[in-house]
């Protein structure tokens, strides 16, 4: 048996022990029904990847109908989703794997066609810097309060469904990040302007969800995901993020998940700064708040290097799509059997749906090698 550090258990702030330091990163598979309810294809997909990882974090689930960001997205916006969410939680909770539901609102990272004619919403009426972006409308004070409530209700629904935790998606330019960002948040009320005011909404969401968790009657994990910087001007800078981390230190969250394109990546804004971003975050992170890092991790050696840098959890994304048994093979010392390429002949075995395959081919053109000539197979 392997003696890798990442295979050792870790006990979180709330007393929950995770069996190892490997998490499945939240990745969209765009395979839910139109109304956001779970499909049997998704159940099979997640079940195949459970059992080895300590934490399995689902793709994002919207907390209200205006929070939907793309077709095929999971929803946790209505009580009617409970039976399907229960099936999903049960499918993930295999051999000690903890089932974590990632919850979010897309905010301005949506489109009126996705929202069936409704205008996207955000902190302010400022369009995202991306092709075909629509200008959102600014959420009213009442709508902000309702959205906070929606996150809390989604957390309660996850508890009722049997999940082991939720991850608040404050990264990847979605609504929580939009309120934090000076690019998307141009408000002049208490929800915008100063750094303190721009932190108010995400911290209020944390507080509301934490209150629900405190009443759960069982230990329940609350995680938070961040993107440390934005390239927009104005945009989030590392100094902003470090200030937010200091506030999150004081909240009853159980881990901080840093979303990076490269786990060892440096600043995307200051090219002269050569220190890895996660090290900057470590410097201000509370001693008892574990850090999770993601970004192009594939081999056991790469993950162990991160553990040796005192990172507590490593999140694997694309690698677990092509190799669902990564943890089991690493633990058994069978590393030569780990797959690092993806063959279209393995679609059925890997439970990869046509929408997910289309996403992989378009979103990760170079970062997800596919070994078979795709022209030979119809994926539409």
Protein backbone atom coordinates (compact mmCIF):
# COMPACT_ATOMS: atom_id res chain seq x y z
CA UNK A 1 0.00 0.00 0.00
CA UNK A 2 1.15 3.51 -0.80
CA UNK A 3 2.31 5.87 1.97
CA UNK A 4 1.33 9.10 0.21
CA UNK A 5 0.38 11.96 2.53
CA UNK A 6 -2.71 12.65 0.42
CA UNK A 7 -4.10 9.26 1.44
CA UNK A 8 -4.12 10.16 5.13
CA UNK A 9 -7.36 11.29 6.84
CA UNK A 10 -8.07 14.88 7.84
CA UNK A 11 -10.40 16.14 10.57
CA UNK A 12 -12.22 19.37 9.75
CA UNK A 13 -13.11 22.24 12.10
CA UNK A 14 -16.56 20.75 12.71
CA UNK A 15 -15.13 17.40 13.81
CA UNK A 16 -15.90 15.51 10.58
CA UNK A 17 -13.04 13.26 9.50
CA UNK A 18 -12.48 13.00 5.75
CA UNK A 19 -10.83 9.71 4.83
CA UNK A 20 -8.19 11.26 2.55
CA UNK A 21 -7.03 14.60 1.14
CA UNK A 22 -8.37 14.13 -2.41
CA UNK A 23 -11.52 15.92 -3.56
CA UNK A 24 -13.31 15.66 -6.86
CA UNK A 25 -13.45 19.21 -8.13
CA UNK A 26 -16.88 20.64 -8.99
CA UNK A 27 -17.31 20.32 -12.76
CA UNK A 28 -20.37 20.87 -14.85
CA UNK A 29 -21.54 17.91 -16.88
CA UNK A 30 -24.58 19.69 -18.37
CA UNK A 31 -26.69 16.55 -18.08
CA UNK A 32 -29.64 17.54 -15.89
CA UNK A 33 -33.17 17.82 -17.20
CA UNK A 34 -34.41 21.20 -18.45
CA UNK A 35 -35.99 22.00 -15.08
CA UNK A 36 -32.75 21.21 -13.25
CA UNK A 37 -33.78 17.85 -11.88
CA UNK A 38 -31.24 15.04 -11.74
CA UNK A 39 -31.00 12.42 -14.49
CA UNK A 40 -30.06 8.76 -14.24
CA UNK A 41 -27.03 9.55 -16.42
CA UNK A 42 -25.77 11.98 -13.76
CA UNK A 43 -26.39 9.49 -10.97
CA UNK A 44 -24.29 6.91 -12.82
CA UNK A 45 -21.56 9.46 -13.58
CA UNK A 46 -21.11 10.52 -9.97
CA UNK A 47 -21.50 7.03 -8.55
CA UNK A 48 -18.63 5.79 -10.71
CA UNK A 49 -16.33 8.47 -9.30
CA UNK A 50 -17.32 7.98 -5.66
CA UNK A 51 -15.70 5.58 -3.23
CA UNK A 52 -12.09 6.63 -3.69
CA UNK A 53 -12.05 10.38 -3.10
CA UNK A 54 -12.53 11.79 0.37
CA UNK A 55 -14.83 14.54 -0.87
CA UNK A 56 -16.89 14.57 -4.05
CA UNK A 57 -18.11 18.06 -4.92
CA UNK A 58 -20.89 18.17 -7.49
CA UNK A 59 -21.16 20.61 -10.35
CA UNK A 60 -22.92 23.83 -9.44
CA UNK A 61 -26.63 23.80 -8.57
CA UNK A 62 -28.63 27.02 -8.82
CA UNK A 63 -30.42 28.28 -5.71
CA UNK A 64 -33.16 30.09 -7.64
CA UNK A 65 -34.51 30.20 -11.17
CA UNK A 66 -32.74 33.47 -12.02
CA UNK A 67 -29.50 31.85 -10.91
CA UNK A 68 -29.43 29.37 -13.77
CA UNK A 69 -26.33 29.83 -15.89
CA UNK A 70 -26.49 27.17 -18.59
CA UNK A 71 -28.63 24.39 -20.00
CA UNK A 72 -28.38 21.01 -18.29
CA UNK A 73 -27.60 22.62 -14.92
CA UNK A 74 -28.61 21.03 -11.64
CA UNK A 75 -31.10 22.95 -9.50
CA UNK A 76 -31.64 23.10 -5.76
CA UNK A 77 -34.20 25.88 -6.04
CA UNK A 78 -37.39 23.96 -5.23
CA UNK A 79 -38.62 21.36 -2.75
CA UNK A 80 -39.67 19.23 -5.72
CA UNK A 81 -35.96 18.54 -6.35
CA UNK A 82 -35.61 16.68 -3.05
CA UNK A 83 -36.18 13.09 -4.29
CA UNK A 84 -33.61 13.45 -7.07
CA UNK A 85 -31.12 15.18 -4.79
CA UNK A 86 -31.52 12.33 -2.30
CA UNK A 87 -30.72 9.83 -5.04
CA UNK A 88 -27.64 11.84 -5.92
CA UNK A 89 -26.41 12.05 -2.33
CA UNK A 90 -26.88 8.32 -1.86
CA UNK A 91 -25.03 7.56 -5.09
CA UNK A 92 -22.02 9.58 -3.92
CA UNK A 93 -21.84 8.33 -0.32
CA UNK A 94 -19.92 5.17 -1.14
CA UNK A 95 -17.08 3.71 0.94
CA UNK A 96 -16.82 6.81 3.10
CA UNK A 97 -16.82 9.47 0.38
CA UNK A 98 -18.43 12.70 1.60
CA UNK A 99 -21.11 14.12 -0.72
CA UNK A 100 -20.79 17.90 -1.15
CA UNK A 101 -23.35 19.88 -3.15
CA UNK A 102 -21.98 23.05 -4.71
CA UNK A 103 -24.60 25.82 -4.71
CA UNK A 104 -24.52 29.10 -6.60
CA UNK A 105 -26.23 31.76 -8.64
CA UNK A 106 -24.80 32.58 -12.06
CA UNK A 107 -25.79 36.24 -11.91
CA UNK A 108 -24.70 38.05 -15.05
CA UNK A 109 -22.95 34.92 -16.36
CA UNK A 110 -26.24 33.84 -17.90
CA UNK A 111 -28.37 34.88 -20.86
CA UNK A 112 -32.00 35.73 -21.48
CA UNK A 113 -32.27 32.63 -23.67
CA UNK A 114 -31.22 30.48 -20.69
CA UNK A 115 -33.64 32.35 -18.43
CA UNK A 116 -36.52 31.95 -20.91
CA UNK A 117 -36.71 35.62 -21.77
CA UNK A 118 -35.89 37.11 -18.39
CA UNK A 119 -32.99 39.53 -18.04
CA UNK A 120 -29.94 38.27 -16.12
CA UNK A 121 -29.27 39.90 -12.76
CA UNK A 122 -26.15 41.04 -10.93
CA UNK A 123 -24.89 43.49 -8.36
CA UNK A 124 -24.99 46.26 -10.98
CA UNK A 125 -26.03 46.79 -14.57
CA UNK A 126 -22.57 46.07 -15.98
CA UNK A 127 -22.05 43.43 -18.66
CA UNK A 128 -19.38 40.77 -18.29
CA UNK A 129 -16.31 41.05 -20.48
CA UNK A 130 -17.02 38.12 -22.77
CA UNK A 131 -18.54 37.60 -26.22
CA UNK A 132 -22.32 38.04 -26.48
CA UNK A 133 -22.61 39.16 -22.85
CA UNK A 134 -25.92 40.79 -21.97
CA UNK A 135 -26.20 43.74 -19.64
CA UNK A 136 -27.85 42.52 -16.43
CA UNK A 137 -30.21 44.47 -14.25
CA UNK A 138 -29.18 45.42 -10.74
CA UNK A 139 -30.77 43.41 -7.95
CA UNK A 140 -32.98 45.42 -5.61
CA UNK A 141 -32.40 45.41 -1.85
CA UNK A 142 -35.34 43.05 -1.39
CA UNK A 143 -34.02 40.73 -4.10
CA UNK A 144 -30.59 40.66 -2.44
CA UNK A 145 -32.17 39.63 0.85
CA UNK A 146 -34.26 37.01 -0.96
CA UNK A 147 -31.17 35.61 -2.67
CA UNK A 148 -29.45 35.25 0.70
CA UNK A 149 -32.54 33.38 1.89
CA UNK A 150 -32.44 31.21 -1.24
CA UNK A 151 -28.88 30.13 -0.44
CA UNK A 152 -30.00 29.23 3.09
CA UNK A 153 -32.99 27.26 1.77
CA UNK A 154 -30.74 25.42 -0.66
CA UNK A 155 -28.47 24.47 2.23
CA UNK A 156 -31.47 23.12 4.15
CA UNK A 157 -32.57 21.14 1.10
CA UNK A 158 -29.07 19.63 0.85
CA UNK A 159 -29.27 18.64 4.50
CA UNK A 160 -32.70 17.08 3.99
CA UNK A 161 -31.44 15.22 0.92
CA UNK A 162 -28.67 13.57 2.94
CA UNK A 163 -25.64 15.42 1.63
CA UNK A 164 -22.63 15.75 3.91
CA UNK A 165 -22.08 19.40 3.06
CA UNK A 166 -22.41 22.30 0.64
CA UNK A 167 -19.81 24.41 -1.08
CA UNK A 168 -20.66 28.07 -1.66
CA UNK A 169 -19.45 28.95 -5.15
CA UNK A 170 -17.85 32.35 -4.69
CA UNK A 171 -15.54 31.88 -7.68
CA UNK A 172 -15.43 31.73 -11.48
CA UNK A 173 -17.13 35.14 -11.90
CA UNK A 174 -20.54 34.03 -10.59
CA UNK A 175 -22.89 36.08 -8.40
CA UNK A 176 -21.07 35.87 -5.05
CA UNK A 177 -17.90 37.00 -6.82
CA UNK A 178 -19.82 39.63 -8.78
CA UNK A 179 -20.77 41.39 -5.56
CA UNK A 180 -17.16 41.22 -4.38
CA UNK A 181 -15.72 42.53 -7.64
CA UNK A 182 -15.34 46.27 -8.30
CA UNK A 183 -15.92 45.53 -11.98
CA UNK A 184 -19.40 44.05 -11.62
CA UNK A 185 -20.36 45.88 -8.42
CA UNK A 186 -20.76 49.65 -8.92
CA UNK A 187 -23.43 50.05 -6.25
CA UNK A 188 -23.52 53.07 -3.95
CA UNK A 189 -25.63 51.51 -1.19
CA UNK A 190 -24.47 49.26 1.66
CA UNK A 191 -23.91 46.39 -0.80
CA UNK A 192 -21.21 48.13 -2.83
CA UNK A 193 -18.53 50.76 -3.05
CA UNK A 194 -15.91 50.11 -0.38
CA UNK A 195 -14.14 46.77 0.00
CA UNK A 196 -16.05 46.24 3.24
CA UNK A 197 -19.38 46.79 1.48
CA UNK A 198 -18.45 44.55 -1.46
CA UNK A 199 -17.74 41.73 1.00
CA UNK A 200 -21.10 42.20 2.68
CA UNK A 201 -23.19 40.00 0.38
CA UNK A 202 -20.91 36.93 0.23
CA UNK A 203 -20.35 37.10 3.99
CA UNK A 204 -24.10 37.44 4.58
CA UNK A 205 -24.64 34.30 2.50
CA UNK A 206 -22.05 32.47 4.59
CA UNK A 207 -23.77 33.61 7.80
CA UNK A 208 -27.21 32.55 6.58
CA UNK A 209 -26.02 29.12 5.50
CA UNK A 210 -23.98 28.66 8.67
CA UNK A 211 -27.09 29.35 10.74
CA UNK A 212 -28.94 26.59 8.89
CA UNK A 213 -26.00 24.23 9.38
CA UNK A 214 -25.93 24.97 13.12
CA UNK A 215 -29.51 23.69 13.33
CA UNK A 216 -28.96 20.59 11.20
CA UNK A 217 -28.80 18.19 14.11
CA UNK A 218 -25.72 16.49 12.65
CA UNK A 219 -22.25 17.59 11.54
CA UNK A 220 -22.50 19.23 8.11
CA UNK A 221 -19.62 20.63 6.05
CA UNK A 222 -19.68 24.23 4.81
CA UNK A 223 -17.03 25.11 2.25
CA UNK A 224 -16.33 28.30 0.30
CA UNK A 225 -14.69 28.62 -3.13
CA UNK A 226 -12.85 31.72 -4.34
CA UNK A 227 -11.10 32.98 -7.46
CA UNK A 228 -8.18 35.08 -6.16
CA UNK A 229 -7.93 37.61 -9.00
CA UNK A 230 -9.65 39.07 -12.04
CA UNK A 231 -8.01 40.49 -15.15
CA UNK A 232 -10.76 43.11 -15.53
CA UNK A 233 -10.04 46.74 -14.72
CA UNK A 234 -11.21 47.47 -12.14
CA UNK A 235 -11.22 43.94 -10.81
CA UNK A 236 -10.43 41.77 -7.81
CA UNK A 237 -6.78 41.92 -6.80
CA UNK A 238 -4.90 39.69 -4.39
CA UNK A 239 -5.03 42.35 -1.67
CA UNK A 240 -8.84 42.23 -1.88
CA UNK A 241 -8.86 38.45 -1.66
CA UNK A 242 -6.53 38.36 1.33
CA UNK A 243 -8.87 40.77 3.12
CA UNK A 244 -11.82 38.48 2.33
CA UNK A 245 -9.91 35.42 3.55
CA UNK A 246 -9.25 37.17 6.86
CA UNK A 247 -13.00 37.65 7.24
CA UNK A 248 -13.75 34.05 6.23
CA UNK A 249 -11.28 32.87 8.88
CA UNK A 250 -13.76 34.12 11.47
CA UNK A 251 -16.76 32.35 9.93
CA UNK A 252 -17.77 28.75 10.70
CA UNK A 253 -16.66 27.38 7.34
CA UNK A 254 -14.79 24.09 7.18
CA UNK A 255 -12.51 24.58 4.19
CA UNK A 256 -11.44 27.24 1.69
CA UNK A 257 -11.26 26.13 -1.94
CA UNK A 258 -9.02 28.20 -4.22
CA UNK A 259 -9.94 27.96 -7.91
CA UNK A 260 -6.78 28.19 -10.03
CA UNK A 261 -5.97 27.25 -13.62
CA UNK A 262 -2.64 25.96 -12.31
CA UNK A 263 -2.24 24.87 -8.70
CA UNK A 264 1.21 26.49 -8.60
CA UNK A 265 0.08 29.54 -10.58
CA UNK A 266 1.31 33.03 -9.76
CA UNK A 267 -0.52 36.32 -10.13
CA UNK A 268 -2.40 36.75 -13.41
CA UNK A 269 -2.22 40.52 -12.95
CA UNK A 270 1.34 41.16 -11.73
CA UNK A 271 3.73 39.22 -13.97
CA UNK A 272 6.70 40.22 -11.80
CA UNK A 273 5.29 38.41 -8.77
CA UNK A 274 6.64 34.84 -8.84
CA UNK A 275 5.17 33.55 -5.58
CA UNK A 276 2.41 30.95 -5.99
CA UNK A 277 -0.97 32.42 -5.15
CA UNK A 278 -1.85 29.67 -2.70
CA UNK A 279 1.21 30.55 -0.62
CA UNK A 280 -0.03 34.12 -0.27
CA UNK A 281 -3.36 32.79 0.94
CA UNK A 282 -1.67 30.39 3.35
CA UNK A 283 0.09 33.34 4.94
CA UNK A 284 -3.20 34.84 6.16
CA UNK A 285 -5.31 31.69 6.53
CA UNK A 286 -6.38 30.59 10.00
CA UNK A 287 -4.33 27.66 11.27
CA UNK A 288 -7.41 25.47 11.67
CA UNK A 289 -9.01 26.31 8.31
CA UNK A 290 -7.90 23.78 5.68
CA UNK A 291 -6.90 24.93 2.21
CA UNK A 292 -8.04 23.12 -0.94
CA UNK A 293 -6.25 23.83 -4.20
CA UNK A 294 -7.13 22.80 -7.75
CA UNK A 295 -5.42 23.29 -11.09
CA UNK A 296 -4.00 20.81 -13.61
CA UNK A 297 -3.22 18.12 -11.07
CA UNK A 298 -2.96 14.69 -12.63
CA UNK A 299 -0.22 12.46 -11.22
CA UNK A 300 0.26 11.26 -7.64
CA UNK A 301 3.66 12.97 -7.63
CA UNK A 302 2.08 16.32 -8.51
CA UNK A 303 -0.49 15.96 -5.75
CA UNK A 304 2.10 14.88 -3.19
CA UNK A 305 4.26 17.90 -4.05
CA UNK A 306 1.29 20.08 -3.11
CA UNK A 307 0.85 18.20 0.17
CA UNK A 308 4.54 18.79 0.91
CA UNK A 309 3.82 22.51 0.53
CA UNK A 310 1.35 22.20 3.41
CA UNK A 311 -1.79 22.28 1.28
CA UNK A 312 -4.46 20.25 3.04
CA UNK A 313 -6.64 19.07 0.15
CA UNK A 314 -6.00 18.63 -3.57
CA UNK A 315 -8.98 18.77 -5.92
CA UNK A 316 -8.80 16.76 -9.13
CA UNK A 317 -11.05 17.67 -12.04
CA UNK A 318 -10.43 16.45 -15.55
CA UNK A 319 -8.21 13.62 -14.30
CA UNK A 320 -11.17 12.02 -12.53
CA UNK A 321 -13.24 12.20 -15.70
CA UNK A 322 -10.81 9.95 -17.52
CA UNK A 323 -9.71 7.97 -14.45
CA UNK A 324 -12.52 7.47 -11.92
CA UNK A 325 -10.39 5.02 -9.90
CA UNK A 326 -7.40 7.35 -9.53
CA UNK A 327 -7.36 7.19 -5.73
CA UNK A 328 -7.81 3.44 -5.60
CA UNK A 329 -4.95 2.85 -8.06
CA UNK A 330 -2.65 5.26 -6.25
CA UNK A 331 -3.44 3.60 -2.93
CA UNK A 332 -2.77 0.13 -4.34
CA UNK A 333 0.58 1.17 -5.80
CA UNK A 334 -0.81 0.53 -9.27
CA UNK A 335 0.11 3.92 -10.70
CA UNK A 336 1.09 2.54 -14.09
CA UNK A 337 -2.58 1.70 -14.64
CA UNK A 338 -3.74 5.30 -14.17
CA UNK A 339 -5.17 6.76 -17.39
CA UNK A 340 -3.95 10.18 -18.49
CA UNK A 341 -5.67 10.26 -21.86
CA UNK A 342 -9.29 9.92 -22.81
CA UNK A 343 -10.51 7.55 -25.50
CA UNK A 344 -13.87 7.90 -27.17
CA UNK A 345 -14.07 4.13 -27.04
CA UNK A 346 -14.50 4.43 -23.26
CA UNK A 347 -17.55 6.72 -23.22
CA UNK A 348 -19.92 4.08 -21.90
CA UNK A 349 -17.45 2.80 -19.34
CA UNK A 350 -16.75 6.31 -18.06
CA UNK A 351 -20.44 7.32 -18.06
CA UNK A 352 -19.64 10.42 -20.10
CA UNK A 353 -22.77 11.87 -21.68
CA UNK A 354 -22.87 13.62 -25.08
CA UNK A 355 -23.37 17.07 -23.46
CA UNK A 356 -20.35 16.54 -21.22
CA UNK A 357 -18.23 15.32 -24.13
CA UNK A 358 -19.23 18.35 -26.17
CA UNK A 359 -18.23 20.57 -23.24
CA UNK A 360 -14.86 18.86 -22.91
CA UNK A 361 -14.14 19.24 -26.61
CA UNK A 362 -15.01 22.94 -26.67
CA UNK A 363 -13.95 24.23 -23.24
CA UNK A 364 -10.75 22.21 -22.85
CA UNK A 365 -9.41 21.93 -26.39
CA UNK A 366 -5.78 21.51 -25.33
CA UNK A 367 -6.12 20.60 -21.67
CA UNK A 368 -8.07 17.40 -22.19
CA UNK A 369 -6.31 15.07 -24.66
CA UNK A 370 -8.63 12.77 -26.57
CA UNK A 371 -6.89 9.86 -28.22
CA UNK A 372 -9.45 8.92 -30.88
CA UNK A 373 -10.28 10.85 -34.06
CA UNK A 374 -13.56 12.52 -33.04
CA UNK A 375 -14.71 12.71 -36.64
CA UNK A 376 -15.38 8.99 -36.55
CA UNK A 377 -18.00 9.22 -33.81
CA UNK A 378 -21.24 11.16 -33.81
CA UNK A 379 -21.61 12.91 -30.45
CA UNK A 380 -24.46 15.26 -31.32
